[in-house]
N, C-alpha and C. Protein backbone atom coordinates (compact mmCIF):
# COMPACT_ATOMS: atom_id res chain seq x y z
N MET A 1 -26.30 -43.64 24.67
CA MET A 1 -26.18 -42.22 24.93
C MET A 1 -24.74 -41.77 24.78
N THR A 2 -23.80 -42.52 25.39
CA THR A 2 -22.40 -42.12 25.29
C THR A 2 -21.88 -42.28 23.86
N GLN A 3 -22.41 -43.27 23.14
CA GLN A 3 -22.00 -43.42 21.74
C GLN A 3 -22.44 -42.21 20.94
N SER A 4 -23.62 -41.75 21.20
CA SER A 4 -24.13 -40.58 20.50
C SER A 4 -23.28 -39.34 20.83
N LEU A 5 -22.91 -39.20 22.10
CA LEU A 5 -22.07 -38.06 22.48
C LEU A 5 -20.69 -38.14 21.84
N ASN A 6 -20.13 -39.32 21.79
CA ASN A 6 -18.83 -39.51 21.14
C ASN A 6 -18.91 -39.18 19.65
N HIS A 7 -20.00 -39.62 19.04
CA HIS A 7 -20.19 -39.34 17.62
C HIS A 7 -20.26 -37.83 17.37
N TYR A 8 -21.03 -37.12 18.16
CA TYR A 8 -21.17 -35.67 17.98
C TYR A 8 -19.86 -34.94 18.31
N GLU A 9 -19.11 -35.46 19.26
CA GLU A 9 -17.82 -34.85 19.58
C GLU A 9 -16.85 -34.97 18.40
N LYS A 10 -16.80 -36.14 17.78
CA LYS A 10 -15.95 -36.32 16.60
C LYS A 10 -16.42 -35.43 15.46
N LEU A 11 -17.72 -35.36 15.28
CA LEU A 11 -18.28 -34.54 14.21
C LEU A 11 -17.92 -33.06 14.41
N LEU A 12 -18.05 -32.58 15.63
CA LEU A 12 -17.73 -31.19 15.91
C LEU A 12 -16.23 -30.90 15.79
N SER A 13 -15.40 -31.83 16.21
CA SER A 13 -13.96 -31.61 16.10
C SER A 13 -13.54 -31.55 14.63
N ARG A 14 -14.14 -32.38 13.79
CA ARG A 14 -13.84 -32.34 12.35
C ARG A 14 -14.34 -31.05 11.73
N SER A 15 -15.52 -30.63 12.11
CA SER A 15 -16.05 -29.39 11.54
C SER A 15 -15.23 -28.19 12.00
N HIS A 16 -14.70 -28.24 13.21
CA HIS A 16 -13.85 -27.15 13.69
C HIS A 16 -12.57 -27.08 12.86
N SER A 17 -11.97 -28.21 12.57
CA SER A 17 -10.77 -28.24 11.74
C SER A 17 -11.07 -27.71 10.34
N ASN A 18 -12.19 -28.11 9.79
CA ASN A 18 -12.57 -27.63 8.46
C ASN A 18 -12.82 -26.13 8.48
N TYR A 19 -13.43 -25.64 9.55
CA TYR A 19 -13.70 -24.21 9.67
C TYR A 19 -12.40 -23.42 9.72
N LEU A 20 -11.42 -23.89 10.50
CA LEU A 20 -10.14 -23.21 10.58
C LEU A 20 -9.41 -23.25 9.25
N ALA A 21 -9.51 -24.34 8.54
CA ALA A 21 -8.88 -24.43 7.22
C ALA A 21 -9.53 -23.46 6.24
N GLN A 22 -10.84 -23.33 6.30
CA GLN A 22 -11.55 -22.40 5.42
C GLN A 22 -11.16 -20.96 5.73
N ILE A 23 -11.03 -20.63 7.00
CA ILE A 23 -10.61 -19.28 7.38
C ILE A 23 -9.18 -19.01 6.89
N SER A 24 -8.34 -19.99 6.98
CA SER A 24 -6.96 -19.84 6.50
C SER A 24 -6.93 -19.57 5.00
N ILE A 25 -7.75 -20.27 4.25
CA ILE A 25 -7.82 -20.07 2.80
C ILE A 25 -8.34 -18.68 2.49
N GLU A 26 -9.36 -18.24 3.20
CA GLU A 26 -9.91 -16.90 2.95
C GLU A 26 -8.91 -15.81 3.31
N MET A 27 -8.15 -16.00 4.37
CA MET A 27 -7.13 -15.02 4.74
C MET A 27 -6.03 -14.96 3.69
N THR A 28 -5.66 -16.10 3.13
CA THR A 28 -4.65 -16.13 2.07
C THR A 28 -5.14 -15.38 0.84
N ASP A 29 -6.40 -15.59 0.47
CA ASP A 29 -6.98 -14.87 -0.67
C ASP A 29 -7.00 -13.37 -0.42
N ALA A 30 -7.37 -12.96 0.78
CA ALA A 30 -7.41 -11.54 1.11
C ALA A 30 -6.01 -10.93 1.06
N ASN A 31 -5.02 -11.66 1.57
CA ASN A 31 -3.64 -11.16 1.52
C ASN A 31 -3.14 -11.03 0.09
N ASN A 32 -3.50 -11.97 -0.77
CA ASN A 32 -3.11 -11.89 -2.17
C ASN A 32 -3.74 -10.68 -2.85
N GLN A 33 -5.00 -10.40 -2.56
CA GLN A 33 -5.66 -9.23 -3.14
C GLN A 33 -5.00 -7.94 -2.65
N ILE A 34 -4.68 -7.88 -1.37
CA ILE A 34 -4.02 -6.69 -0.83
C ILE A 34 -2.65 -6.50 -1.47
N ASN A 35 -1.91 -7.58 -1.66
CA ASN A 35 -0.60 -7.49 -2.31
C ASN A 35 -0.73 -6.98 -3.74
N ASN A 36 -1.75 -7.43 -4.46
CA ASN A 36 -1.96 -6.95 -5.83
C ASN A 36 -2.26 -5.46 -5.85
N VAL A 37 -3.11 -5.01 -4.95
CA VAL A 37 -3.46 -3.59 -4.91
C VAL A 37 -2.23 -2.75 -4.54
N LEU A 38 -1.47 -3.20 -3.56
CA LEU A 38 -0.28 -2.45 -3.15
C LEU A 38 0.78 -2.41 -4.24
N SER A 39 0.92 -3.47 -5.00
CA SER A 39 1.90 -3.45 -6.10
C SER A 39 1.47 -2.47 -7.18
N ARG A 40 0.18 -2.38 -7.46
CA ARG A 40 -0.31 -1.39 -8.43
C ARG A 40 -0.10 0.02 -7.92
N MET A 41 -0.36 0.24 -6.64
CA MET A 41 -0.16 1.58 -6.07
C MET A 41 1.32 1.96 -6.08
N THR A 42 2.19 1.00 -5.84
CA THR A 42 3.62 1.27 -5.88
C THR A 42 4.07 1.64 -7.28
N ALA A 43 3.58 0.93 -8.26
CA ALA A 43 3.93 1.25 -9.65
C ALA A 43 3.42 2.63 -10.03
N LEU A 44 2.21 2.95 -9.63
CA LEU A 44 1.65 4.27 -9.92
C LEU A 44 2.44 5.37 -9.23
N GLY A 45 2.80 5.16 -7.99
CA GLY A 45 3.61 6.14 -7.26
C GLY A 45 4.99 6.30 -7.85
N THR A 46 5.57 5.22 -8.35
CA THR A 46 6.88 5.28 -8.98
C THR A 46 6.85 6.15 -10.22
N VAL A 47 5.75 6.14 -10.93
CA VAL A 47 5.61 6.96 -12.13
C VAL A 47 5.25 8.40 -11.77
N LEU A 48 4.34 8.60 -10.85
CA LEU A 48 3.82 9.93 -10.58
C LEU A 48 4.73 10.79 -9.69
N LEU A 49 5.46 10.21 -8.79
CA LEU A 49 6.29 11.00 -7.89
C LEU A 49 7.38 11.77 -8.62
N PRO A 50 8.17 11.16 -9.49
CA PRO A 50 9.18 11.95 -10.21
C PRO A 50 8.54 13.04 -11.08
N MET A 51 7.39 12.74 -11.69
CA MET A 51 6.72 13.76 -12.49
C MET A 51 6.29 14.93 -11.62
N ASN A 52 5.82 14.65 -10.42
CA ASN A 52 5.40 15.70 -9.50
C ASN A 52 6.59 16.54 -9.06
N VAL A 53 7.71 15.90 -8.78
CA VAL A 53 8.90 16.64 -8.36
C VAL A 53 9.41 17.52 -9.49
N ILE A 54 9.45 16.99 -10.70
CA ILE A 54 9.96 17.76 -11.85
C ILE A 54 9.06 18.95 -12.14
N THR A 55 7.76 18.73 -12.20
CA THR A 55 6.87 19.85 -12.50
C THR A 55 6.81 20.84 -11.35
N GLY A 56 6.95 20.40 -10.12
CA GLY A 56 6.97 21.31 -8.99
C GLY A 56 8.23 22.15 -8.95
N THR A 57 9.34 21.56 -9.34
CA THR A 57 10.60 22.28 -9.31
C THR A 57 10.72 23.28 -10.46
N PHE A 58 10.42 22.81 -11.66
CA PHE A 58 10.60 23.67 -12.83
C PHE A 58 9.34 24.41 -13.23
N GLY A 59 8.27 24.25 -12.49
CA GLY A 59 7.03 24.95 -12.81
C GLY A 59 6.91 26.30 -12.13
N ARG A 60 7.95 26.73 -11.45
CA ARG A 60 7.92 28.03 -10.80
C ARG A 60 8.14 29.14 -11.82
N ARG A 61 7.73 30.35 -11.46
CA ARG A 61 7.96 31.49 -12.34
C ARG A 61 9.34 32.04 -12.03
N LEU A 62 10.27 31.71 -12.87
CA LEU A 62 11.64 32.15 -12.68
C LEU A 62 12.06 33.01 -13.87
N THR A 63 12.86 34.02 -13.60
CA THR A 63 13.37 34.85 -14.69
C THR A 63 14.71 34.34 -15.18
N GLY A 64 15.35 33.53 -14.43
CA GLY A 64 16.66 33.00 -14.79
C GLY A 64 17.07 31.99 -13.78
N PRO A 65 18.38 31.86 -13.54
CA PRO A 65 18.83 30.89 -12.55
C PRO A 65 18.41 31.25 -11.13
N ARG A 66 18.11 32.51 -10.87
CA ARG A 66 17.62 32.95 -9.56
C ARG A 66 16.28 33.63 -9.75
N SER A 67 15.45 33.52 -8.75
CA SER A 67 14.15 34.18 -8.85
C SER A 67 14.30 35.67 -8.56
N ALA A 68 13.25 36.42 -8.81
CA ALA A 68 13.30 37.86 -8.60
C ALA A 68 13.50 38.20 -7.13
N ALA A 69 12.97 37.39 -6.23
CA ALA A 69 13.12 37.64 -4.80
C ALA A 69 14.56 37.39 -4.34
N CYS A 70 15.30 36.60 -5.06
CA CYS A 70 16.66 36.26 -4.67
C CYS A 70 17.68 37.00 -5.52
N ALA A 71 17.29 38.09 -6.14
CA ALA A 71 18.19 38.81 -7.03
C ALA A 71 19.38 39.41 -6.30
N ASP A 72 19.23 39.70 -5.02
CA ASP A 72 20.35 40.27 -4.26
C ASP A 72 21.35 39.21 -3.81
N GLY A 73 21.10 37.95 -4.11
CA GLY A 73 22.07 36.90 -3.83
C GLY A 73 21.92 36.24 -2.48
N GLU A 74 20.83 36.47 -1.78
CA GLU A 74 20.67 35.87 -0.45
C GLU A 74 20.17 34.43 -0.48
N GLY A 75 19.54 34.02 -1.52
CA GLY A 75 18.99 32.67 -1.56
C GLY A 75 19.24 32.01 -2.88
N GLN A 76 18.90 30.77 -2.94
CA GLN A 76 19.08 30.03 -4.18
C GLN A 76 17.72 29.52 -4.64
N VAL A 77 17.67 29.13 -5.88
CA VAL A 77 16.42 28.61 -6.42
C VAL A 77 16.09 27.27 -5.77
N PHE A 78 17.09 26.39 -5.66
CA PHE A 78 16.88 25.07 -5.07
C PHE A 78 17.31 25.11 -3.61
N GLY A 79 16.37 24.86 -2.70
CA GLY A 79 16.70 24.80 -1.29
C GLY A 79 16.81 26.16 -0.62
N GLY A 80 16.44 27.18 -1.25
CA GLY A 80 16.60 28.51 -0.67
C GLY A 80 15.35 29.07 -0.25
């Protein structure tokens, strides 16, 4: 009886170690996938953000260096 219990205890301790190793491998795979997605999103943001700033800044309806609302000199086009 005690031999059987010892055998099952060893078996369970080995399976527990294997289970923890499998979880570690799966977590590593998940982290690698997340890193790949975040690197793609960073590259996309690096391209799209300057384009958004440029089109947002120069896409306004301006008659010249100052807008019509700032013709009296109270504000500026950038930051005004």
